[in-house]
Amino acid sequence: MGDNGGGGAETYLLGREERRRLELLEQCLDPMTTRSLDAIGVDEGWRCLELGGGGGSITRMLCERVGPAGRVTAVDLDTRFLDELGEDNLDVQRRDLLIDGLPGDGYDLIHARLLLMWLPTREKFLEEMAAALRPGGWLLVEDMDVFPLTTLAEGALAQVWGTVIGAFEAANVAATLGRQLPDLFDRAGLEAVEPVCHVPMFRGDSPFSAMFMASVAQMRPFIVASGGTEEQIAEFEREMADSTQWFSGFAFYSVRGRAPAA
């Protein structure tokens, strides 16, 4: 994402497209995140840190759950959508986590979704997140793993995903981070580690297929520069728009663990 600082027609269009992509991500992934927050038991008065707040749906949910006695800090490189929330118990910070680090410590909950895979120092950063919890506080990290795409996709889907995954690997983006998270939680000294893995199946012409098409559209120059073709992308879009077909998405790991009590 980029700053929405220009105010012109192009900036407005990019902002609108990014809002739509984030809304699709929320529609597809929020139910799984909600189940993990329910299992943790986020409650009134908690102090929560949301890293990579994106469109703000989980940030808003945390504000509602912790109530007036609680506090939520939401961090992102681009806070334009978080700034719109206007919750009284919310602090929004525009922050580069790799440079500026985490904002404080002593949190009851720290949550990050589809963030760590992009960070080159992801293992060290997870340890820093664990260290920023209060005794007995919870860490919830949710990230993807591409193994269903590499084993189940065929034809144009396999070609497009193969190009994307190869480019991710070349850029040190951890496209298989999901499966590594439980071990990283153990190494960070967390207790009661509970991993859950979801592999959604969906029809074409559905919110999930729209989410994938929006992501591929955003990465189109990146895909072509990495060896993909416009013909492959066009066929990918045709298949994703076909409501008679079923597809498997990436695996979505939701892993929670608790800091040792004092």
C-alpha atoms as a PDB file:
ATOM      1  CA  MET A   1       0.000   0.000   0.000  1.00  0.00           C
ATOM      2  CA  GLY A   2       1.021   3.621  -0.431  1.00  0.00           C
ATOM      3  CA  ASP A   3       0.190   6.959   1.110  1.00  0.00           C
ATOM      4  CA  ASN A   4      -3.007   8.624  -0.068  1.00  0.00           C
ATOM      5  CA  GLY A   5      -1.382  12.034  -0.078  1.00  0.00           C
ATOM      6  CA  GLY A   6      -1.961  13.462  -3.543  1.00  0.00           C
ATOM      7  CA  GLY A   7      -5.706  13.960  -3.594  1.00  0.00           C
ATOM      8  CA  GLY A   8      -5.989  13.655  -7.400  1.00  0.00           C
ATOM      9  CA  ALA A   9      -8.100  11.319  -9.511  1.00  0.00           C
ATOM     10  CA  GLU A  10      -5.385   8.653  -9.703  1.00  0.00           C
ATOM     11  CA  THR A  11      -4.911   8.649  -5.938  1.00  0.00           C
ATOM     12  CA  TYR A  12      -8.657   8.407  -5.416  1.00  0.00           C
ATOM     13  CA  LEU A  13      -8.882   5.459  -7.803  1.00  0.00           C
ATOM     14  CA  LEU A  14      -5.999   3.636  -6.104  1.00  0.00           C
ATOM     15  CA  GLY A  15      -7.558   4.282  -2.710  1.00  0.00           C
ATOM     16  CA  ARG A  16     -10.910   2.938  -3.882  1.00  0.00           C
ATOM     17  CA  GLU A  17      -9.327  -0.203  -5.361  1.00  0.00           C
ATOM     18  CA  GLU A  18      -7.304  -0.824  -2.209  1.00  0.00           C
ATOM     19  CA  ARG A  19     -10.393  -0.360  -0.051  1.00  0.00           C
ATOM     20  CA  ARG A  20     -12.231  -2.955  -2.163  1.00  0.00           C
ATOM     21  CA  ARG A  21      -9.345  -5.435  -1.877  1.00  0.00           C
ATOM     22  CA  LEU A  22      -9.184  -5.003   1.896  1.00  0.00           C
ATOM     23  CA  GLU A  23     -12.954  -5.391   2.200  1.00  0.00           C
ATOM     24  CA  LEU A  24     -12.742  -8.713   0.350  1.00  0.00           C
ATOM     25  CA  LEU A  25      -9.917  -9.874   2.614  1.00  0.00           C
ATOM     26  CA  GLU A  26     -12.007  -8.956   5.653  1.00  0.00           C
ATOM     27  CA  GLN A  27     -15.098 -10.712   4.298  1.00  0.00           C
ATOM     28  CA  CYS A  28     -13.133 -13.904   3.674  1.00  0.00           C
ATOM     29  CA  LEU A  29     -10.803 -13.988   6.693  1.00  0.00           C
ATOM     30  CA  ASP A  30     -12.608 -12.158   9.517  1.00  0.00           C
ATOM     31  CA  PRO A  31     -14.775 -15.182  10.467  1.00  0.00           C
ATOM     32  CA  MET A  32     -11.632 -17.242  11.105  1.00  0.00           C
ATOM     33  CA  THR A  33      -9.976 -14.452  13.088  1.00  0.00           C
ATOM     34  CA  THR A  34     -13.160 -13.963  15.111  1.00  0.00           C
ATOM     35  CA  ARG A  35     -13.181 -17.618  16.139  1.00  0.00           C
ATOM     36  CA  SER A  36      -9.613 -17.302  17.402  1.00  0.00           C
ATOM     37  CA  LEU A  37     -10.435 -14.137  19.366  1.00  0.00           C
ATOM     38  CA  ASP A  38     -13.446 -15.938  20.854  1.00  0.00           C
ATOM     39  CA  ALA A  39     -11.204 -18.826  21.921  1.00  0.00           C
ATOM     40  CA  ILE A  40      -8.769 -16.410  23.586  1.00  0.00           C
ATOM     41  CA  GLY A  41     -11.631 -14.620  25.344  1.00  0.00           C
ATOM     42  CA  VAL A  42     -10.759 -10.980  24.633  1.00  0.00           C
ATOM     43  CA  ASP A  43     -12.663  -9.051  27.293  1.00  0.00           C
ATOM     44  CA  GLU A  44     -13.471  -5.625  28.675  1.00  0.00           C
ATOM     45  CA  GLY A  45     -10.548  -3.613  29.958  1.00  0.00           C
ATOM     46  CA  TRP A  46      -7.928  -5.374  27.827  1.00  0.00           C
ATOM     47  CA  ARG A  47      -5.052  -3.479  26.261  1.00  0.00           C
ATOM     48  CA  CYS A  48      -4.601  -4.689  22.663  1.00  0.00           C
ATOM     49  CA  LEU A  49      -2.119  -4.080  19.858  1.00  0.00           C
ATOM     50  CA  GLU A  50      -3.211  -4.632  16.248  1.00  0.00           C
ATOM     51  CA  LEU A  51      -0.276  -4.753  13.812  1.00  0.00           C
ATOM     52  CA  GLY A  52      -1.007  -4.103  10.153  1.00  0.00           C
ATOM     53  CA  GLY A  53      -4.534  -2.872  10.806  1.00  0.00           C
ATOM     54  CA  GLY A  54      -5.397  -2.552   7.096  1.00  0.00           C
ATOM     55  CA  GLY A  55      -9.065  -1.806   6.525  1.00  0.00           C
ATOM     56  CA  GLY A  56      -9.825  -1.723  10.249  1.00  0.00           C
ATOM     57  CA  SER A  57     -12.465  -4.420  10.728  1.00  0.00           C
ATOM     58  CA  ILE A  58     -10.538  -6.330  13.413  1.00  0.00           C
ATOM     59  CA  THR A  59      -9.424  -3.082  15.036  1.00  0.00           C
ATOM     60  CA  ARG A  60     -13.067  -2.020  15.303  1.00  0.00           C
ATOM     61  CA  MET A  61     -14.017  -5.419  16.726  1.00  0.00           C
ATOM     62  CA  LEU A  62     -11.300  -5.190  19.386  1.00  0.00           C
ATOM     63  CA  CYS A  63     -12.445  -1.684  20.354  1.00  0.00           C
ATOM     64  CA  GLU A  64     -15.967  -3.030  20.883  1.00  0.00           C
ATOM     65  CA  ARG A  65     -14.767  -6.005  22.918  1.00  0.00           C
ATOM     66  CA  VAL A  66     -12.455  -4.121  25.291  1.00  0.00           C
ATOM     67  CA  GLY A  67     -14.994  -1.333  25.887  1.00  0.00           C
ATOM     68  CA  PRO A  68     -14.363   2.104  27.416  1.00  0.00           C
ATOM     69  CA  ALA A  69     -12.078   0.664  30.099  1.00  0.00           C
ATOM     70  CA  GLY A  70      -9.798  -0.930  27.488  1.00  0.00           C
ATOM     71  CA  ARG A  71      -7.466   0.455  24.855  1.00  0.00           C
ATOM     72  CA  VAL A  72      -6.523  -0.594  21.324  1.00  0.00           C
ATOM     73  CA  THR A  73      -3.408   0.581  19.483  1.00  0.00           C
ATOM     74  CA  ALA A  74      -3.509  -0.007  15.722  1.00  0.00           C
ATOM     75  CA  VAL A  75      -0.361   0.297  13.626  1.00  0.00           C
ATOM     76  CA  ASP A  76       0.131   0.375   9.861  1.00  0.00           C
ATOM     77  CA  LEU A  77       2.342   2.013   7.251  1.00  0.00           C
ATOM     78  CA  ASP A  78      -0.842   3.406   5.691  1.00  0.00           C
ATOM     79  CA  THR A  79      -3.422   4.469   8.266  1.00  0.00           C
ATOM     80  CA  ARG A  80      -5.972   6.147   5.967  1.00  0.00           C
ATOM     81  CA  PHE A  81      -8.678   3.554   6.686  1.00  0.00           C
ATOM     82  CA  LEU A  82      -7.843   3.218  10.394  1.00  0.00           C
ATOM     83  CA  ASP A  83      -8.110   6.981  10.796  1.00  0.00           C
ATOM     84  CA  GLU A  84     -11.737   6.776   9.647  1.00  0.00           C
ATOM     85  CA  LEU A  85     -12.790   4.554  12.579  1.00  0.00           C
ATOM     86  CA  GLY A  86     -12.964   7.333  15.163  1.00  0.00           C
ATOM     87  CA  GLU A  87     -13.282   5.040  18.198  1.00  0.00           C
ATOM     88  CA  ASP A  88     -12.758   6.764  21.561  1.00  0.00           C
ATOM     89  CA  ASN A  89     -10.604   3.900  22.888  1.00  0.00           C
ATOM     90  CA  LEU A  90      -8.368   3.687  19.792  1.00  0.00           C
ATOM     91  CA  ASP A  91      -4.858   5.022  19.172  1.00  0.00           C
ATOM     92  CA  VAL A  92      -3.760   4.917  15.513  1.00  0.00           C
ATOM     93  CA  GLN A  93      -0.055   5.058  14.734  1.00  0.00           C
ATOM     94  CA  ARG A  94       1.584   5.326  11.324  1.00  0.00           C
ATOM     95  CA  ARG A  95       4.724   3.340  11.961  1.00  0.00           C
ATOM     96  CA  ASP A  96       7.391   1.315  10.164  1.00  0.00           C
ATOM     97  CA  LEU A  97       7.769  -1.604  12.542  1.00  0.00           C
ATOM     98  CA  LEU A  98      11.160  -2.649  11.179  1.00  0.00           C
ATOM     99  CA  ILE A  99      12.582   0.813  11.889  1.00  0.00           C
ATOM    100  CA  ASP A 100      10.494   2.104  14.789  1.00  0.00           C
ATOM    101  CA  GLY A 101       9.794  -1.170  16.607  1.00  0.00           C
ATOM    102  CA  LEU A 102       6.712  -1.954  18.649  1.00  0.00           C
ATOM    103  CA  PRO A 103       4.840   0.825  20.479  1.00  0.00           C
ATOM    104  CA  GLY A 104       5.390  -0.133  24.098  1.00  0.00           C
ATOM    105  CA  ASP A 105       4.726  -3.370  25.957  1.00  0.00           C
ATOM    106  CA  GLY A 106       2.496  -4.918  28.615  1.00  0.00           C
ATOM    107  CA  TYR A 107      -0.268  -5.872  26.190  1.00  0.00           C
ATOM    108  CA  ASP A 108      -3.032  -8.349  26.988  1.00  0.00           C
ATOM    109  CA  LEU A 109      -3.268  -9.222  23.277  1.00  0.00           C
ATOM    110  CA  ILE A 110      -1.091  -8.654  20.222  1.00  0.00           C
ATOM    111  CA  HIS A 111      -2.537  -9.628  16.849  1.00  0.00           C
ATOM    112  CA  ALA A 112      -0.993  -9.652  13.367  1.00  0.00           C
ATOM    113  CA  ARG A 113      -2.637 -11.012  10.201  1.00  0.00           C
ATOM    114  CA  LEU A 114      -0.812 -11.538   6.899  1.00  0.00           C
ATOM    115  CA  LEU A 115       2.045  -9.365   8.136  1.00  0.00           C
ATOM    116  CA  LEU A 116       5.007 -11.495   9.216  1.00  0.00           C
ATOM    117  CA  MET A 117       5.433 -13.215   5.839  1.00  0.00           C
ATOM    118  CA  TRP A 118       6.527  -9.854   4.389  1.00  0.00           C
ATOM    119  CA  LEU A 119       9.113  -9.054   7.092  1.00  0.00           C
ATOM    120  CA  PRO A 120      12.711 -10.163   6.477  1.00  0.00           C
ATOM    121  CA  THR A 121      13.337 -10.394  10.235  1.00  0.00           C
ATOM    122  CA  ARG A 122      10.105 -12.288  10.917  1.00  0.00           C
ATOM    123  CA  GLU A 123      11.542 -14.768  13.445  1.00  0.00           C
ATOM    124  CA  LYS A 124      13.169 -12.046  15.531  1.00  0.00           C
ATOM    125  CA  PHE A 125      10.079  -9.867  15.240  1.00  0.00           C
ATOM    126  CA  LEU A 126       7.836 -12.641  16.585  1.00  0.00           C
ATOM    127  CA  GLU A 127      10.128 -12.906  19.601  1.00  0.00           C
ATOM    128  CA  GLU A 128       9.772  -9.143  20.103  1.00  0.00           C
ATOM    129  CA  MET A 129       5.987  -9.456  19.939  1.00  0.00           C
ATOM    130  CA  ALA A 130       6.044 -12.201  22.565  1.00  0.00           C
ATOM    131  CA  ALA A 131       8.283 -10.068  24.802  1.00  0.00           C
ATOM    132  CA  ALA A 132       5.818  -7.163  24.564  1.00  0.00           C
ATOM    133  CA  LEU A 133       3.028  -9.165  26.233  1.00  0.00           C
ATOM    134  CA  ARG A 134       2.158  -8.824  29.887  1.00  0.00           C
ATOM    135  CA  PRO A 135       2.536 -12.037  31.932  1.00  0.00           C
ATOM    136  CA  GLY A 136      -0.369 -14.229  30.818  1.00  0.00           C
ATOM    137  CA  GLY A 137      -1.039 -12.089  27.729  1.00  0.00           C
ATOM    138  CA  TRP A 138      -1.876 -13.606  24.358  1.00  0.00           C
ATOM    139  CA  LEU A 139      -0.194 -13.495  20.956  1.00  0.00           C
ATOM    140  CA  LEU A 140      -2.324 -14.291  17.898  1.00  0.00           C
ATOM    141  CA  VAL A 141      -0.504 -14.525  14.558  1.00  0.00           C
ATOM    142  CA  GLU A 142      -2.323 -15.448  11.368  1.00  0.00           C
ATOM    143  CA  ASP A 143      -0.504 -16.070   8.132  1.00  0.00           C
ATOM    144  CA  MET A 144      -0.750 -18.036   4.934  1.00  0.00           C
ATOM    145  CA  ASP A 145       0.857 -21.135   3.476  1.00  0.00           C
ATOM    146  CA  VAL A 146       0.678 -21.768  -0.254  1.00  0.00           C
ATOM    147  CA  PHE A 147       0.818 -25.572  -0.184  1.00  0.00           C
ATOM    148  CA  PRO A 148      -2.781 -26.090  -1.418  1.00  0.00           C
ATOM    149  CA  LEU A 149      -2.097 -23.813  -4.388  1.00  0.00           C
ATOM    150  CA  THR A 150       1.063 -25.664  -5.394  1.00  0.00           C
ATOM    151  CA  THR A 151      -0.524 -29.122  -5.069  1.00  0.00           C
ATOM    152  CA  LEU A 152      -4.124 -28.609  -6.245  1.00  0.00           C
ATOM    153  CA  ALA A 153      -4.073 -25.823  -8.838  1.00  0.00           C
ATOM    154  CA  GLU A 154      -4.067 -26.768 -12.519  1.00  0.00           C
ATOM    155  CA  GLY A 155      -3.699 -25.020 -15.875  1.00  0.00           C
ATOM    156  CA  ALA A 156      -3.598 -21.218 -15.838  1.00  0.00           C
ATOM    157  CA  LEU A 157      -4.125 -21.149 -12.074  1.00  0.00           C
ATOM    158  CA  ALA A 158      -1.029 -23.275 -11.517  1.00  0.00           C
ATOM    159  CA  GLN A 159       0.970 -21.105 -13.929  1.00  0.00           C
ATOM    160  CA  VAL A 160      -0.034 -17.814 -12.313  1.00  0.00           C
ATOM    161  CA  TRP A 161       0.424 -19.075  -8.747  1.00  0.00           C
ATOM    162  CA  GLY A 162       3.740 -20.666  -9.667  1.00  0.00           C
ATOM    163  CA  THR A 163       5.014 -17.340 -10.986  1.00  0.00           C
ATOM    164  CA  VAL A 164       3.810 -15.478  -7.890  1.00  0.00           C
ATOM    165  CA  ILE A 165       5.287 -18.016  -5.466  1.00  0.00           C
ATOM    166  CA  GLY A 166       8.621 -18.105  -7.305  1.00  0.00           C
ATOM    167  CA  ALA A 167       8.845 -14.326  -7.191  1.00  0.00           C
ATOM    168  CA  PHE A 168       7.931 -14.340  -3.482  1.00  0.00           C
ATOM    169  CA  GLU A 169      10.750 -16.771  -2.761  1.00  0.00           C
ATOM    170  CA  ALA A 170      13.236 -14.654  -4.715  1.00  0.00           C
ATOM    171  CA  ALA A 171      12.187 -11.594  -2.691  1.00  0.00           C
ATOM    172  CA  ASN A 172      12.450 -13.424   0.689  1.00  0.00           C
ATOM    173  CA  VAL A 173       8.682 -13.334   1.222  1.00  0.00           C
ATOM    174  CA  ALA A 174       7.807 -16.373   3.360  1.00  0.00           C
ATOM    175  CA  ALA A 175       4.963 -17.962   1.397  1.00  0.00           C
ATOM    176  CA  THR A 176       5.052 -21.060   3.634  1.00  0.00           C
ATOM    177  CA  LEU A 177       5.261 -19.230   6.970  1.00  0.00           C
ATOM    178  CA  GLY A 178       1.975 -20.636   8.269  1.00  0.00           C
ATOM    179  CA  ARG A 179       3.336 -24.107   8.948  1.00  0.00           C
ATOM    180  CA  GLN A 180       6.378 -22.647  10.750  1.00  0.00           C
ATOM    181  CA  LEU A 181       4.442 -20.543  13.255  1.00  0.00           C
ATOM    182  CA  PRO A 182       3.839 -23.166  15.997  1.00  0.00           C
ATOM    183  CA  ASP A 183       7.585 -23.876  16.244  1.00  0.00           C
ATOM    184  CA  LEU A 184       8.350 -20.143  16.301  1.00  0.00           C
ATOM    185  CA  PHE A 185       5.854 -19.721  19.145  1.00  0.00           C
ATOM    186  CA  ASP A 186       7.616 -22.482  21.092  1.00  0.00           C
ATOM    187  CA  ARG A 187      11.011 -20.884  20.507  1.00  0.00           C
ATOM    188  CA  ALA A 188       9.641 -17.536  21.736  1.00  0.00           C
ATOM    189  CA  GLY A 189       8.766 -19.177  25.063  1.00  0.00           C
ATOM    190  CA  LEU A 190       4.982 -19.021  24.703  1.00  0.00           C
ATOM    191  CA  GLU A 191       2.695 -21.523  26.410  1.00  0.00           C
ATOM    192  CA  ALA A 192      -0.642 -23.155  25.522  1.00  0.00           C
ATOM    193  CA  VAL A 193       0.251 -22.887  21.823  1.00  0.00           C
ATOM    194  CA  GLU A 194      -2.777 -23.758  19.711  1.00  0.00           C
ATOM    195  CA  PRO A 195      -2.495 -23.789  15.893  1.00  0.00           C
ATOM    196  CA  VAL A 196      -5.533 -24.005  13.649  1.00  0.00           C
ATOM    197  CA  CYS A 197      -5.217 -24.453   9.877  1.00  0.00           C
ATOM    198  CA  HIS A 198      -8.054 -23.570   7.489  1.00  0.00           C
ATOM    199  CA  VAL A 199      -8.010 -24.532   3.814  1.00  0.00           C
ATOM    200  CA  PRO A 200     -11.094 -22.860   2.335  1.00  0.00           C
ATOM    201  CA  MET A 201     -12.839 -24.154  -0.763  1.00  0.00           C
ATOM    202  CA  PHE A 202     -14.911 -21.718  -2.782  1.00  0.00           C
ATOM    203  CA  ARG A 203     -16.841 -21.310  -6.000  1.00  0.00           C
ATOM    204  CA  GLY A 204     -15.836 -19.062  -8.823  1.00  0.00           C
ATOM    205  CA  ASP A 205     -17.664 -15.732  -8.839  1.00  0.00           C
ATOM    206  CA  SER A 206     -17.625 -15.577  -5.020  1.00  0.00           C
ATOM    207  CA  PRO A 207     -16.003 -13.272  -2.463  1.00  0.00           C
ATOM    208  CA  PHE A 208     -12.975 -15.578  -2.256  1.00  0.00           C
ATOM    209  CA  SER A 209     -12.494 -15.626  -6.029  1.00  0.00           C
ATOM    210  CA  ALA A 210     -12.949 -11.841  -6.133  1.00  0.00           C
ATOM    211  CA  MET A 211     -10.294 -11.487  -3.428  1.00  0.00           C
ATOM    212  CA  PHE A 212      -7.838 -13.554  -5.469  1.00  0.00           C
ATOM    213  CA  MET A 213      -8.623 -11.635  -8.659  1.00  0.00           C
ATOM    214  CA  ALA A 214      -8.099  -8.322  -6.862  1.00  0.00           C
ATOM    215  CA  SER A 215      -4.753  -9.523  -5.513  1.00  0.00           C
ATOM    216  CA  VAL A 216      -3.597 -10.753  -8.928  1.00  0.00           C
ATOM    217  CA  ALA A 217      -4.710  -7.461 -10.500  1.00  0.00           C
ATOM    218  CA  GLN A 218      -2.630  -5.580  -7.943  1.00  0.00           C
ATOM    219  CA  MET A 219       0.379  -7.811  -8.662  1.00  0.00           C
ATOM    220  CA  ARG A 220      -0.074  -7.849 -12.457  1.00  0.00           C
ATOM    221  CA  PRO A 221       3.136  -5.892 -13.305  1.00  0.00           C
ATOM    222  CA  PHE A 222       5.039  -8.006 -10.779  1.00  0.00           C
ATOM    223  CA  ILE A 223       3.699 -11.256 -12.343  1.00  0.00           C
ATOM    224  CA  VAL A 224       4.534 -10.222 -15.917  1.00  0.00           C
ATOM    225  CA  ALA A 225       8.008  -9.036 -14.908  1.00  0.00           C
ATOM    226  CA  SER A 226       8.591 -12.443 -13.279  1.00  0.00           C
ATOM    227  CA  GLY A 227       7.744 -14.428 -16.426  1.00  0.00           C
ATOM    228  CA  GLY A 228       3.955 -14.663 -16.374  1.00  0.00           C
ATOM    229  CA  THR A 229       1.918 -13.659 -19.411  1.00  0.00           C
ATOM    230  CA  GLU A 230      -1.170 -11.553 -19.985  1.00  0.00           C
ATOM    231  CA  GLU A 231      -2.816 -14.612 -21.565  1.00  0.00           C
ATOM    232  CA  GLN A 232      -2.294 -16.645 -18.376  1.00  0.00           C
ATOM    233  CA  ILE A 233      -3.720 -13.850 -16.259  1.00  0.00           C
ATOM    234  CA  ALA A 234      -6.748 -13.488 -18.552  1.00  0.00           C
ATOM    235  CA  GLU A 235      -7.431 -17.240 -18.347  1.00  0.00           C
ATOM    236  CA  PHE A 236      -6.990 -17.103 -14.553  1.00  0.00           C
ATOM    237  CA  GLU A 237      -9.631 -14.365 -14.386  1.00  0.00           C
ATOM    238  CA  ARG A 238     -12.034 -16.299 -16.635  1.00  0.00           C
ATOM    239  CA  GLU A 239     -11.795 -19.394 -14.465  1.00  0.00           C
ATOM    240  CA  MET A 240     -12.179 -17.441 -11.230  1.00  0.00           C
ATOM    241  CA  ALA A 241     -15.354 -15.842 -12.606  1.00  0.00           C
ATOM    242  CA  ASP A 242     -16.926 -19.229 -13.452  1.00  0.00           C
ATOM    243  CA  SER A 243     -19.470 -20.090 -10.756  1.00  0.00           C
ATOM    244  CA  THR A 244     -19.615 -23.740 -11.910  1.00  0.00           C
ATOM    245  CA  GLN A 245     -16.034 -24.374 -10.748  1.00  0.00           C
ATOM    246  CA  TRP A 246     -14.692 -25.037  -7.262  1.00  0.00           C
ATOM    247  CA  PHE A 247     -11.245 -23.995  -6.065  1.00  0.00           C
ATOM    248  CA  SER A 248      -9.000 -24.384  -3.037  1.00  0.00           C
ATOM    249  CA  GLY A 249      -7.430 -21.282  -1.547  1.00  0.00           C
ATOM    250  CA  PHE A 250      -4.191 -20.884   0.346  1.00  0.00           C
ATOM    251  CA  ALA A 251      -3.997 -22.410   3.810  1.00  0.00           C
ATOM    252  CA  PHE A 252      -4.704 -19.880   6.558  1.00  0.00           C
ATOM    253  CA  TYR A 253      -2.957 -20.620   9.861  1.00  0.00           C
ATOM    254  CA  SER A 254      -4.267 -19.007  13.023  1.00  0.00           C
ATOM    255  CA  VAL A 255      -1.860 -19.634  15.892  1.00  0.00           C
ATOM    256  CA  ARG A 256      -2.274 -18.413  19.453  1.00  0.00           C
ATOM    257  CA  GLY A 257      -0.035 -18.701  22.492  1.00  0.00           C
ATOM    258  CA  ARG A 258       0.175 -17.211  25.979  1.00  0.00           C
ATOM    259  CA  ALA A 259       3.088 -15.548  27.757  1.00  0.00           C
ATOM    260  CA  PRO A 260       4.099 -17.348  30.971  1.00  0.00           C
ATOM    261  CA  ALA A 261       2.469 -16.002  34.106  1.00  0.00           C
ATOM    262  CA  ALA A 262       4.680 -14.032  36.459  1.00  0.00           C
END
